[in-house]
Amino acid sequence: MTENPIFAEIQNTISAHDIVLYMKGNAKFPMCGFSGTVIQILKNLDVPFYDVDVLQSPEIREGIKAFTQWPTIPQLYIKGEFVGGCDIVREMFETGELQTLLKEKGVVKA
């Protein structure tokens, strides 16, 4: 079986950046409210992140869902680990779990 080139591209992207957000639109112009919510959380935490606009590539848009077996966008990755979508990220932020994860992963200073 040959390696899926879209999966390889996704893996390379999440390996190359500490925080990656697969979203609709981009950080400056989110194209859905859920993506916008995650952007606001990341900006609130003042962490740099790399955004991937899934609307620019149907292959990436479908590929990211298959890659994680998660049906929705946005999808947040921290240090290569899939964290979740909007509801999970918002809940983790509200409980402080997201901030703890960022510190544990060495993305923000303790």
PDB file of N, CA and C in Angstrom:
ATOM      1  N   MET A   1       0.849  -1.188   0.000  1.00  0.00           N
ATOM      2  CA  MET A   1       0.000   0.000   0.000  1.00  0.00           C
ATOM      3  C   MET A   1       0.887   1.241   0.000  1.00  0.00           C
ATOM      4  N   THR A   2       0.607   2.154  -0.896  1.00  0.00           N
ATOM      5  CA  THR A   2       1.400   3.381  -0.946  1.00  0.00           C
ATOM      6  C   THR A   2       0.872   4.387   0.070  1.00  0.00           C
ATOM      7  N   GLU A   3       1.782   5.235   0.517  1.00  0.00           N
ATOM      8  CA  GLU A   3       1.409   6.240   1.506  1.00  0.00           C
ATOM      9  C   GLU A   3       0.502   7.289   0.862  1.00  0.00           C
ATOM     10  N   ASN A   4      -0.509   7.694   1.596  1.00  0.00           N
ATOM     11  CA  ASN A   4      -1.423   8.725   1.134  1.00  0.00           C
ATOM     12  C   ASN A   4      -0.673  10.064   1.117  1.00  0.00           C
ATOM     13  N   PRO A   5      -0.529  10.700  -0.063  1.00  0.00           N
ATOM     14  CA  PRO A   5       0.240  11.955  -0.124  1.00  0.00           C
ATOM     15  C   PRO A   5      -0.396  13.088   0.690  1.00  0.00           C
ATOM     16  N   ILE A   6      -1.704  13.090   0.820  1.00  0.00           N
ATOM     17  CA  ILE A   6      -2.371  14.121   1.630  1.00  0.00           C
ATOM     18  C   ILE A   6      -2.046  13.897   3.107  1.00  0.00           C
ATOM     19  N   PHE A   7      -2.082  12.648   3.553  1.00  0.00           N
ATOM     20  CA  PHE A   7      -1.717  12.353   4.946  1.00  0.00           C
ATOM     21  C   PHE A   7      -0.268  12.761   5.209  1.00  0.00           C
ATOM     22  N   ALA A   8       0.607  12.500   4.235  1.00  0.00           N
ATOM     23  CA  ALA A   8       2.023  12.866   4.379  1.00  0.00           C
ATOM     24  C   ALA A   8       2.164  14.384   4.496  1.00  0.00           C
ATOM     25  N   GLU A   9       1.425  15.111   3.683  1.00  0.00           N
ATOM     26  CA  GLU A   9       1.465  16.578   3.736  1.00  0.00           C
ATOM     27  C   GLU A   9       0.955  17.080   5.090  1.00  0.00           C
ATOM     28  N   ILE A  10      -0.133  16.513   5.577  1.00  0.00           N
ATOM     29  CA  ILE A  10      -0.685  16.898   6.886  1.00  0.00           C
ATOM     30  C   ILE A  10       0.335  16.595   7.981  1.00  0.00           C
ATOM     31  N   GLN A  11       0.914  15.397   7.953  1.00  0.00           N
ATOM     32  CA  GLN A  11       1.901  15.013   8.970  1.00  0.00           C
ATOM     33  C   GLN A  11       3.105  15.954   8.949  1.00  0.00           C
ATOM     34  N   ASN A  12       3.564  16.300   7.749  1.00  0.00           N
ATOM     35  CA  ASN A  12       4.695  17.225   7.630  1.00  0.00           C
ATOM     36  C   ASN A  12       4.349  18.586   8.216  1.00  0.00           C
ATOM     37  N   THR A  13       3.142  19.064   7.963  1.00  0.00           N
ATOM     38  CA  THR A  13       2.726  20.369   8.478  1.00  0.00           C
ATOM     39  C   THR A  13       2.650  20.357   9.999  1.00  0.00           C
ATOM     40  N   ILE A  14       2.014  19.342  10.578  1.00  0.00           N
ATOM     41  CA  ILE A  14       1.870  19.337  12.035  1.00  0.00           C
ATOM     42  C   ILE A  14       3.196  19.027  12.728  1.00  0.00           C
ATOM     43  N   SER A  15       4.129  18.404  12.017  1.00  0.00           N
ATOM     44  CA  SER A  15       5.456  18.154  12.584  1.00  0.00           C
ATOM     45  C   SER A  15       6.330  19.409  12.543  1.00  0.00           C
ATOM     46  N   ALA A  16       6.076  20.271  11.568  1.00  0.00           N
ATOM     47  CA  ALA A  16       6.922  21.447  11.356  1.00  0.00           C
ATOM     48  C   ALA A  16       6.562  22.635  12.249  1.00  0.00           C
ATOM     49  N   HIS A  17       5.379  22.598  12.877  1.00  0.00           N
ATOM     50  CA  HIS A  17       4.907  23.742  13.668  1.00  0.00           C
ATOM     51  C   HIS A  17       4.425  23.276  15.035  1.00  0.00           C
ATOM     52  N   ASP A  18       4.683  24.091  16.058  1.00  0.00           N
ATOM     53  CA  ASP A  18       4.237  23.740  17.414  1.00  0.00           C
ATOM     54  C   ASP A  18       2.716  23.673  17.507  1.00  0.00           C
ATOM     55  N   ILE A  19       2.042  24.654  16.901  1.00  0.00           N
ATOM     56  CA  ILE A  19       0.580  24.706  16.948  1.00  0.00           C
ATOM     57  C   ILE A  19       0.068  24.896  15.529  1.00  0.00           C
ATOM     58  N   VAL A  20      -0.832  24.018  15.124  1.00  0.00           N
ATOM     59  CA  VAL A  20      -1.423  24.094  13.783  1.00  0.00           C
ATOM     60  C   VAL A  20      -2.938  24.067  13.931  1.00  0.00           C
ATOM     61  N   LEU A  21      -3.592  24.994  13.233  1.00  0.00           N
ATOM     62  CA  LEU A  21      -5.052  25.025  13.208  1.00  0.00           C
ATOM     63  C   LEU A  21      -5.526  24.839  11.781  1.00  0.00           C
ATOM     64  N   TYR A  22      -6.189  23.715  11.536  1.00  0.00           N
ATOM     65  CA  TYR A  22      -6.862  23.496  10.251  1.00  0.00           C
ATOM     66  C   TYR A  22      -8.226  24.140  10.407  1.00  0.00           C
ATOM     67  N   MET A  23      -8.522  25.105   9.532  1.00  0.00           N
ATOM     68  CA  MET A  23      -9.717  25.922   9.711  1.00  0.00           C
ATOM     69  C   MET A  23     -10.306  26.334   8.376  1.00  0.00           C
ATOM     70  N   LYS A  24     -11.504  26.900   8.447  1.00  0.00           N
ATOM     71  CA  LYS A  24     -12.139  27.481   7.268  1.00  0.00           C
ATOM     72  C   LYS A  24     -11.783  28.963   7.267  1.00  0.00           C
ATOM     73  N   GLY A  25     -11.088  29.380   6.213  1.00  0.00           N
ATOM     74  CA  GLY A  25     -10.576  30.743   6.161  1.00  0.00           C
ATOM     75  C   GLY A  25      -9.169  30.764   6.725  1.00  0.00           C
ATOM     76  N   ASN A  26      -8.752  31.961   7.173  1.00  0.00           N
ATOM     77  CA  ASN A  26      -7.424  32.068   7.774  1.00  0.00           C
ATOM     78  C   ASN A  26      -7.508  32.900   9.045  1.00  0.00           C
ATOM     79  N   ALA A  27      -6.387  33.065   9.707  1.00  0.00           N
ATOM     80  CA  ALA A  27      -6.381  33.742  11.002  1.00  0.00           C
ATOM     81  C   ALA A  27      -6.932  35.164  10.918  1.00  0.00           C
ATOM     82  N   LYS A  28      -6.685  35.832   9.809  1.00  0.00           N
ATOM     83  CA  LYS A  28      -7.182  37.208   9.656  1.00  0.00           C
ATOM     84  C   LYS A  28      -8.663  37.243   9.269  1.00  0.00           C
ATOM     85  N   PHE A  29      -9.092  36.262   8.494  1.00  0.00           N
ATOM     86  CA  PHE A  29     -10.472  36.220   8.016  1.00  0.00           C
ATOM     87  C   PHE A  29     -11.079  34.826   8.161  1.00  0.00           C
ATOM     88  N   PRO A  30     -11.453  34.432   9.394  1.00  0.00           N
ATOM     89  CA  PRO A  30     -12.100  33.124   9.566  1.00  0.00           C
ATOM     90  C   PRO A  30     -13.417  33.097   8.785  1.00  0.00           C
ATOM     91  N   MET A  31     -13.691  31.967   8.151  1.00  0.00           N
ATOM     92  CA  MET A  31     -14.894  31.847   7.333  1.00  0.00           C
ATOM     93  C   MET A  31     -16.005  31.058   8.023  1.00  0.00           C
ATOM     94  N   CYS A  32     -15.819  30.752   9.317  1.00  0.00           N
ATOM     95  CA  CYS A  32     -16.907  30.159  10.088  1.00  0.00           C
ATOM     96  C   CYS A  32     -16.719  30.551  11.549  1.00  0.00           C
ATOM     97  N   GLY A  33     -17.802  30.595  12.276  1.00  0.00           N
ATOM     98  CA  GLY A  33     -17.767  31.014  13.669  1.00  0.00           C
ATOM     99  C   GLY A  33     -16.936  30.101  14.555  1.00  0.00           C
ATOM    100  N   PHE A  34     -16.959  28.808  14.266  1.00  0.00           N
ATOM    101  CA  PHE A  34     -16.197  27.862  15.084  1.00  0.00           C
ATOM    102  C   PHE A  34     -14.697  28.099  14.928  1.00  0.00           C
ATOM    103  N   SER A  35     -14.266  28.319  13.675  1.00  0.00           N
ATOM    104  CA  SER A  35     -12.854  28.628  13.434  1.00  0.00           C
ATOM    105  C   SER A  35     -12.485  29.943  14.116  1.00  0.00           C
ATOM    106  N   GLY A  36     -13.374  30.927  14.021  1.00  0.00           N
ATOM    107  CA  GLY A  36     -13.134  32.220  14.650  1.00  0.00           C
ATOM    108  C   GLY A  36     -12.987  32.112  16.157  1.00  0.00           C
ATOM    109  N   THR A  37     -13.780  31.252  16.771  1.00  0.00           N
ATOM    110  CA  THR A  37     -13.711  31.057  18.222  1.00  0.00           C
ATOM    111  C   THR A  37     -12.344  30.510  18.630  1.00  0.00           C
ATOM    112  N   VAL A  38     -11.857  29.502  17.907  1.00  0.00           N
ATOM    113  CA  VAL A  38     -10.556  28.916  18.242  1.00  0.00           C
ATOM    114  C   VAL A  38      -9.448  29.949  18.037  1.00  0.00           C
ATOM    115  N   ILE A  39      -9.548  30.745  16.979  1.00  0.00           N
ATOM    116  CA  ILE A  39      -8.562  31.820  16.737  1.00  0.00           C
ATOM    117  C   ILE A  39      -8.532  32.773  17.935  1.00  0.00           C
ATOM    118  N   GLN A  40      -9.702  33.178  18.404  1.00  0.00           N
ATOM    119  CA  GLN A  40      -9.769  34.112  19.532  1.00  0.00           C
ATOM    120  C   GLN A  40      -9.131  33.517  20.789  1.00  0.00           C
ATOM    121  N   ILE A  41      -9.355  32.234  21.020  1.00  0.00           N
ATOM    122  CA  ILE A  41      -8.755  31.565  22.184  1.00  0.00           C
ATOM    123  C   ILE A  41      -7.236  31.578  22.059  1.00  0.00           C
ATOM    124  N   LEU A  42      -6.717  31.216  20.886  1.00  0.00           N
ATOM    125  CA  LEU A  42      -5.267  31.191  20.691  1.00  0.00           C
ATOM    126  C   LEU A  42      -4.673  32.591  20.816  1.00  0.00           C
ATOM    127  N   LYS A  43      -5.363  33.597  20.284  1.00  0.00           N
ATOM    128  CA  LYS A  43      -4.878  34.977  20.410  1.00  0.00           C
ATOM    129  C   LYS A  43      -4.924  35.428  21.866  1.00  0.00           C
ATOM    130  N   ASN A  44      -5.973  35.038  22.580  1.00  0.00           N
ATOM    131  CA  ASN A  44      -6.103  35.373  23.994  1.00  0.00           C
ATOM    132  C   ASN A  44      -4.932  34.806  24.794  1.00  0.00           C
ATOM    133  N   LEU A  45      -4.491  33.613  24.412  1.00  0.00           N
ATOM    134  CA  LEU A  45      -3.378  32.958  25.094  1.00  0.00           C
ATOM    135  C   LEU A  45      -2.026  33.452  24.584  1.00  0.00           C
ATOM    136  N   ASP A  46      -2.069  34.290  23.532  1.00  0.00           N
ATOM    137  CA  ASP A  46      -0.863  34.892  22.969  1.00  0.00           C
ATOM    138  C   ASP A  46       0.157  33.837  22.539  1.00  0.00           C
ATOM    139  N   VAL A  47      -0.332  32.804  21.852  1.00  0.00           N
ATOM    140  CA  VAL A  47       0.562  31.772  21.335  1.00  0.00           C
ATOM    141  C   VAL A  47       0.598  31.854  19.806  1.00  0.00           C
ATOM    142  N   PRO A  48       1.784  31.753  19.230  1.00  0.00           N
ATOM    143  CA  PRO A  48       1.865  31.748  17.766  1.00  0.00           C
ATOM    144  C   PRO A  48       1.344  30.424  17.231  1.00  0.00           C
ATOM    145  N   PHE A  49       0.671  30.478  16.104  1.00  0.00           N
ATOM    146  CA  PHE A  49       0.157  29.248  15.496  1.00  0.00           C
ATOM    147  C   PHE A  49       0.185  29.368  13.987  1.00  0.00           C
ATOM    148  N   TYR A  50       0.158  28.223  13.336  1.00  0.00           N
ATOM    149  CA  TYR A  50       0.156  28.135  11.883  1.00  0.00           C
ATOM    150  C   TYR A  50      -1.247  27.726  11.462  1.00  0.00           C
ATOM    151  N   ASP A  51      -1.848  28.501  10.566  1.00  0.00           N
ATOM    152  CA  ASP A  51      -3.207  28.176  10.129  1.00  0.00           C
ATOM    153  C   ASP A  51      -3.195  27.626   8.708  1.00  0.00           C
ATOM    154  N   VAL A  52      -4.069  26.650   8.487  1.00  0.00           N
ATOM    155  CA  VAL A  52      -4.236  26.034   7.175  1.00  0.00           C
ATOM    156  C   VAL A  52      -5.695  26.212   6.777  1.00  0.00           C
ATOM    157  N   ASP A  53      -5.911  26.913   5.656  1.00  0.00           N
ATOM    158  CA  ASP A  53      -7.264  27.162   5.163  1.00  0.00           C
ATOM    159  C   ASP A  53      -7.725  25.965   4.325  1.00  0.00           C
ATOM    160  N   VAL A  54      -8.615  25.162   4.905  1.00  0.00           N
ATOM    161  CA  VAL A  54      -9.076  23.955   4.204  1.00  0.00           C
ATOM    162  C   VAL A  54      -9.959  24.290   2.998  1.00  0.00           C
ATOM    163  N   LEU A  55     -10.452  25.529   2.930  1.00  0.00           N
ATOM    164  CA  LEU A  55     -11.283  25.918   1.794  1.00  0.00           C
ATOM    165  C   LEU A  55     -10.457  26.077   0.514  1.00  0.00           C
ATOM    166  N   GLN A  56      -9.135  26.168   0.677  1.00  0.00           N
ATOM    167  CA  GLN A  56      -8.254  26.312  -0.490  1.00  0.00           C
ATOM    168  C   GLN A  56      -7.950  24.974  -1.157  1.00  0.00           C
ATOM    169  N   SER A  57      -8.247  23.872  -0.471  1.00  0.00           N
ATOM    170  CA  SER A  57      -7.912  22.556  -1.014  1.00  0.00           C
ATOM    171  C   SER A  57      -8.930  21.518  -0.571  1.00  0.00           C
ATOM    172  N   PRO A  58      -9.786  21.066  -1.499  1.00  0.00           N
ATOM    173  CA  PRO A  58     -10.746  20.013  -1.148  1.00  0.00           C
ATOM    174  C   PRO A  58     -10.043  18.741  -0.653  1.00  0.00           C
ATOM    175  N   GLU A  59      -8.842  18.469  -1.183  1.00  0.00           N
ATOM    176  CA  GLU A  59      -8.101  17.278  -0.762  1.00  0.00           C
ATOM    177  C   GLU A  59      -7.701  17.378   0.714  1.00  0.00           C
ATOM    178  N   ILE A  60      -7.218  18.555   1.111  1.00  0.00           N
ATOM    179  CA  ILE A  60      -6.845  18.758   2.518  1.00  0.00           C
ATOM    180  C   ILE A  60      -8.099  18.765   3.385  1.00  0.00           C
ATOM    181  N   ARG A  61      -9.154  19.400   2.899  1.00  0.00           N
ATOM    182  CA  ARG A  61     -10.398  19.496   3.681  1.00  0.00           C
ATOM    183  C   ARG A  61     -10.938  18.105   4.021  1.00  0.00           C
ATOM    184  N   GLU A  62     -10.949  17.224   3.053  1.00  0.00           N
ATOM    185  CA  GLU A  62     -11.428  15.865   3.304  1.00  0.00           C
ATOM    186  C   GLU A  62     -10.345  15.021   3.970  1.00  0.00           C
ATOM    187  N   GLY A  63      -9.101  15.264   3.574  1.00  0.00           N
ATOM    188  CA  GLY A  63      -7.986  14.488   4.100  1.00  0.00           C
ATOM    189  C   GLY A  63      -7.794  14.656   5.596  1.00  0.00           C
ATOM    190  N   ILE A  64      -7.965  15.879   6.102  1.00  0.00           N
ATOM    191  CA  ILE A  64      -7.756  16.118   7.534  1.00  0.00           C
ATOM    192  C   ILE A  64      -8.814  15.382   8.354  1.00  0.00           C
ATOM    193  N   LYS A  65     -10.019  15.292   7.819  1.00  0.00           N
ATOM    194  CA  LYS A  65     -11.089  14.559   8.518  1.00  0.00           C
ATOM    195  C   LYS A  65     -10.757  13.069   8.594  1.00  0.00           C
ATOM    196  N   ALA A  66     -10.237  12.521   7.501  1.00  0.00           N
ATOM    197  CA  ALA A  66      -9.868  11.104   7.473  1.00  0.00           C
ATOM    198  C   ALA A  66      -8.619  10.854   8.328  1.00  0.00           C
ATOM    199  N   PHE A  67      -7.694  11.817   8.304  1.00  0.00           N
ATOM    200  CA  PHE A  67      -6.435  11.695   9.048  1.00  0.00           C
ATOM    201  C   PHE A  67      -6.699  11.494  10.539  1.00  0.00           C
ATOM    202  N   THR A  68      -7.644  12.265  11.082  1.00  0.00           N
ATOM    203  CA  THR A  68      -7.938  12.197  12.519  1.00  0.00           C
ATOM    204  C   THR A  68      -9.171  11.355  12.818  1.00  0.00           C
ATOM    205  N   GLN A  69      -9.899  10.996  11.767  1.00  0.00           N
ATOM    206  CA  GLN A  69     -11.206  10.350  11.937  1.00  0.00           C
ATOM    207  C   GLN A  69     -12.101  11.246  12.793  1.00  0.00           C
ATOM    208  N   TRP A  70     -12.019  12.546  12.519  1.00  0.00           N
ATOM    209  CA  TRP A  70     -12.816  13.565  13.204  1.00  0.00           C
ATOM    210  C   TRP A  70     -13.590  14.296  12.123  1.00  0.00           C
ATOM    211  N   PRO A  71     -14.916  14.389  12.225  1.00  0.00           N
ATOM    212  CA  PRO A  71     -15.718  14.839  11.081  1.00  0.00           C
ATOM    213  C   PRO A  71     -15.797  16.347  10.847  1.00  0.00           C
ATOM    214  N   THR A  72     -15.293  17.148  11.778  1.00  0.00           N
ATOM    215  CA  THR A  72     -15.531  18.593  11.649  1.00  0.00           C
ATOM    216  C   THR A  72     -14.240  19.401  11.606  1.00  0.00           C
ATOM    217  N   ILE A  73     -14.390  20.616  11.122  1.00  0.00           N
ATOM    218  CA  ILE A  73     -13.348  21.636  11.073  1.00  0.00           C
ATOM    219  C   ILE A  73     -13.853  22.771  11.957  1.00  0.00           C
ATOM    220  N   PRO A  74     -13.047  23.412  12.761  1.00  0.00           N
ATOM    221  CA  PRO A  74     -11.593  23.389  12.817  1.00  0.00           C
ATOM    222  C   PRO A  74     -11.047  22.208  13.601  1.00  0.00           C
ATOM    223  N   GLN A  75      -9.740  21.994  13.393  1.00  0.00           N
ATOM    224  CA  GLN A  75      -9.012  20.967  14.139  1.00  0.00           C
ATOM    225  C   GLN A  75      -7.696  21.576  14.616  1.00  0.00           C
ATOM    226  N   LEU A  76      -7.445  21.451  15.908  1.00  0.00           N
ATOM    227  CA  LEU A  76      -6.246  22.027  16.512  1.00  0.00           C
ATOM    228  C   LEU A  76      -5.240  20.939  16.879  1.00  0.00           C
ATOM    229  N   TYR A  77      -3.981  21.185  16.542  1.00  0.00           N
ATOM    230  CA  TYR A  77      -2.872  20.296  16.871  1.00  0.00           C
ATOM    231  C   TYR A  77      -1.846  21.082  17.687  1.00  0.00           C
ATOM    232  N   ILE A  78      -1.364  20.454  18.760  1.00  0.00           N
ATOM    233  CA  ILE A  78      -0.302  21.049  19.561  1.00  0.00           C
ATOM    234  C   ILE A  78       0.828  20.031  19.644  1.00  0.00           C
ATOM    235  N   LYS A  79       1.991  20.427  19.153  1.00  0.00           N
ATOM    236  CA  LYS A  79       3.175  19.555  19.127  1.00  0.00           C
ATOM    237  C   LYS A  79       2.846  18.197  18.501  1.00  0.00           C
ATOM    238  N   GLY A  80       2.112  18.237  17.398  1.00  0.00           N
ATOM    239  CA  GLY A  80       1.802  17.020  16.659  1.00  0.00           C
ATOM    240  C   GLY A  80       0.628  16.227  17.185  1.00  0.00           C
ATOM    241  N   GLU A  81       0.074  16.639  18.313  1.00  0.00           N
ATOM    242  CA  GLU A  81      -1.037  15.907  18.930  1.00  0.00           C
ATOM    243  C   GLU A  81      -2.364  16.578  18.589  1.00  0.00           C
ATOM    244  N   PHE A  82      -3.322  15.774  18.113  1.00  0.00           N
ATOM    245  CA  PHE A  82      -4.657  16.303  17.833  1.00  0.00           C
ATOM    246  C   PHE A  82      -5.344  16.612  19.157  1.00  0.00           C
ATOM    247  N   VAL A  83      -5.757  17.865  19.317  1.00  0.00           N
ATOM    248  CA  VAL A  83      -6.414  18.292  20.559  1.00  0.00           C
ATOM    249  C   VAL A  83      -7.926  18.177  20.424  1.00  0.00           C
ATOM    250  N   GLY A  84      -8.476  18.699  19.320  1.00  0.00           N
ATOM    251  CA  GLY A  84      -9.915  18.633  19.112  1.00  0.00           C
ATOM    252  C   GLY A  84     -10.412  19.788  18.276  1.00  0.00           C
ATOM    253  N   GLY A  85     -11.730  19.929  18.288  1.00  0.00           N
ATOM    254  CA  GLY A  85     -12.385  20.994  17.550  1.00  0.00           C
ATOM    255  C   GLY A  85     -12.792  22.124  18.471  1.00  0.00           C
ATOM    256  N   CYS A  86     -13.677  22.960  18.000  1.00  0.00           N
ATOM    257  CA  CYS A  86     -14.060  24.172  18.712  1.00  0.00           C
ATOM    258  C   CYS A  86     -14.586  23.906  20.126  1.00  0.00           C
ATOM    259  N   ASP A  87     -15.544  23.009  20.258  1.00  0.00           N
ATOM    260  CA  ASP A  87     -16.150  22.780  21.578  1.00  0.00           C
ATOM    261  C   ASP A  87     -15.128  22.270  22.593  1.00  0.00           C
ATOM    262  N   ILE A  88     -14.287  21.340  22.161  1.00  0.00           N
ATOM    263  CA  ILE A  88     -13.267  20.785  23.058  1.00  0.00           C
ATOM    264  C   ILE A  88     -12.258  21.861  23.438  1.00  0.00           C
ATOM    265  N   VAL A  89     -11.793  22.627  22.450  1.00  0.00           N
ATOM    266  CA  VAL A  89     -10.805  23.685  22.714  1.00  0.00           C
ATOM    267  C   VAL A  89     -11.395  24.729  23.658  1.00  0.00           C
ATOM    268  N   ARG A  90     -12.648  25.121  23.410  1.00  0.00           N
ATOM    269  CA  ARG A  90     -13.292  26.122  24.276  1.00  0.00           C
ATOM    270  C   ARG A  90     -13.430  25.589  25.707  1.00  0.00           C
ATOM    271  N   GLU A  91     -13.850  24.353  25.847  1.00  0.00           N
ATOM    272  CA  GLU A  91     -14.003  23.761  27.175  1.00  0.00           C
ATOM    273  C   GLU A  91     -12.648  23.658  27.884  1.00  0.00           C
ATOM    274  N   MET A  92     -11.623  23.231  27.153  1.00  0.00           N
ATOM    275  CA  MET A  92     -10.281  23.129  27.741  1.00  0.00           C
ATOM    276  C   MET A  92      -9.765  24.500  28.167  1.00  0.00           C
ATOM    277  N   PHE A  93     -10.054  25.519  27.370  1.00  0.00           N
ATOM    278  CA  PHE A  93      -9.625  26.886  27.701  1.00  0.00           C
ATOM    279  C   PHE A  93     -10.320  27.369  28.973  1.00  0.00           C
ATOM    280  N   GLU A  94     -11.639  27.130  29.048  1.00  0.00           N
ATOM    281  CA  GLU A  94     -12.422  27.601  30.199  1.00  0.00           C
ATOM    282  C   GLU A  94     -12.001  26.914  31.500  1.00  0.00           C
ATOM    283  N   THR A  95     -11.564  25.655  31.414  1.00  0.00           N
ATOM    284  CA  THR A  95     -11.158  24.922  32.629  1.00  0.00           C
ATOM    285  C   THR A  95      -9.679  25.108  32.953  1.00  0.00           C
ATOM    286  N   GLY A  96      -8.928  25.714  32.019  1.00  0.00           N
ATOM    287  CA  GLY A  96      -7.492  25.890  32.229  1.00  0.00           C
ATOM    288  C   GLY A  96      -6.665  24.724  31.706  1.00  0.00           C
ATOM    289  N   GLU A  97      -7.359  23.690  31.221  1.00  0.00           N
ATOM    290  CA  GLU A  97      -6.669  22.499  30.727  1.00  0.00           C
ATOM    291  C   GLU A  97      -5.815  22.812  29.492  1.00  0.00           C
ATOM    292  N   LEU A  98      -6.293  23.701  28.641  1.00  0.00           N
ATOM    293  CA  LEU A  98      -5.546  24.062  27.430  1.00  0.00           C
ATOM    294  C   LEU A  98      -4.251  24.783  27.809  1.00  0.00           C
ATOM    295  N   GLN A  99      -4.336  25.710  28.750  1.00  0.00           N
ATOM    296  CA  GLN A  99      -3.158  26.441  29.195  1.00  0.00           C
ATOM    297  C   GLN A  99      -2.132  25.473  29.791  1.00  0.00           C
ATOM    298  N   THR A 100      -2.614  24.496  30.577  1.00  0.00           N
ATOM    299  CA  THR A 100      -1.736  23.486  31.171  1.00  0.00           C
ATOM    300  C   THR A 100      -1.065  22.654  30.079  1.00  0.00           C
ATOM    301  N   LEU A 101      -1.836  22.244  29.075  1.00  0.00           N
ATOM    302  CA  LEU A 101      -1.295  21.455  27.976  1.00  0.00           C
ATOM    303  C   LEU A 101      -0.198  22.235  27.240  1.00  0.00           C
ATOM    304  N   LEU A 102      -0.452  23.499  26.976  1.00  0.00           N
ATOM    305  CA  LEU A 102       0.536  24.331  26.280  1.00  0.00           C
ATOM    306  C   LEU A 102       1.833  24.421  27.088  1.00  0.00           C
ATOM    307  N   LYS A 103       1.714  24.547  28.398  1.00  0.00           N
ATOM    308  CA  LYS A 103       2.906  24.600  29.263  1.00  0.00           C
ATOM    309  C   LYS A 103       3.622  23.254  29.279  1.00  0.00           C
ATOM    310  N   GLU A 104       2.850  22.177  29.403  1.00  0.00           N
ATOM    311  CA  GLU A 104       3.455  20.833  29.424  1.00  0.00           C
ATOM    312  C   GLU A 104       4.196  20.512  28.136  1.00  0.00           C
ATOM    313  N   LYS A 105       3.656  20.997  27.032  1.00  0.00           N
ATOM    314  CA  LYS A 105       4.269  20.736  25.724  1.00  0.00           C
ATOM    315  C   LYS A 105       5.423  21.702  25.441  1.00  0.00           C
ATOM    316  N   GLY A 106       5.616  22.676  26.335  1.00  0.00           N
ATOM    317  CA  GLY A 106       6.706  23.619  26.172  1.00  0.00           C
ATOM    318  C   GLY A 106       6.436  24.703  25.156  1.00  0.00           C
ATOM    319  N   VAL A 107       5.161  24.925  24.844  1.00  0.00           N
ATOM    320  CA  VAL A 107       4.806  25.935  23.855  1.00  0.00           C
ATOM    321  C   VAL A 107       4.765  27.332  24.486  1.00  0.00           C
ATOM    322  N   VAL A 108       4.374  27.398  25.755  1.00  0.00           N
ATOM    323  CA  VAL A 108       4.384  28.671  26.484  1.00  0.00           C
ATOM    324  C   VAL A 108       5.224  28.485  27.742  1.00  0.00           C
ATOM    325  N   LYS A 109       5.770  29.579  28.208  1.00  0.00           N
ATOM    326  CA  LYS A 109       6.565  29.517  29.426  1.00  0.00           C
ATOM    327  C   LYS A 109       5.655  29.353  30.636  1.00  0.00           C
ATOM    328  N   ALA A 110       6.111  28.582  31.568  1.00  0.00           N
ATOM    329  CA  ALA A 110       5.327  28.314  32.794  1.00  0.00           C
ATOM    330  C   ALA A 110       5.240  29.559  33.655  1.00  0.00           C
TER     331      ALA A 110
END
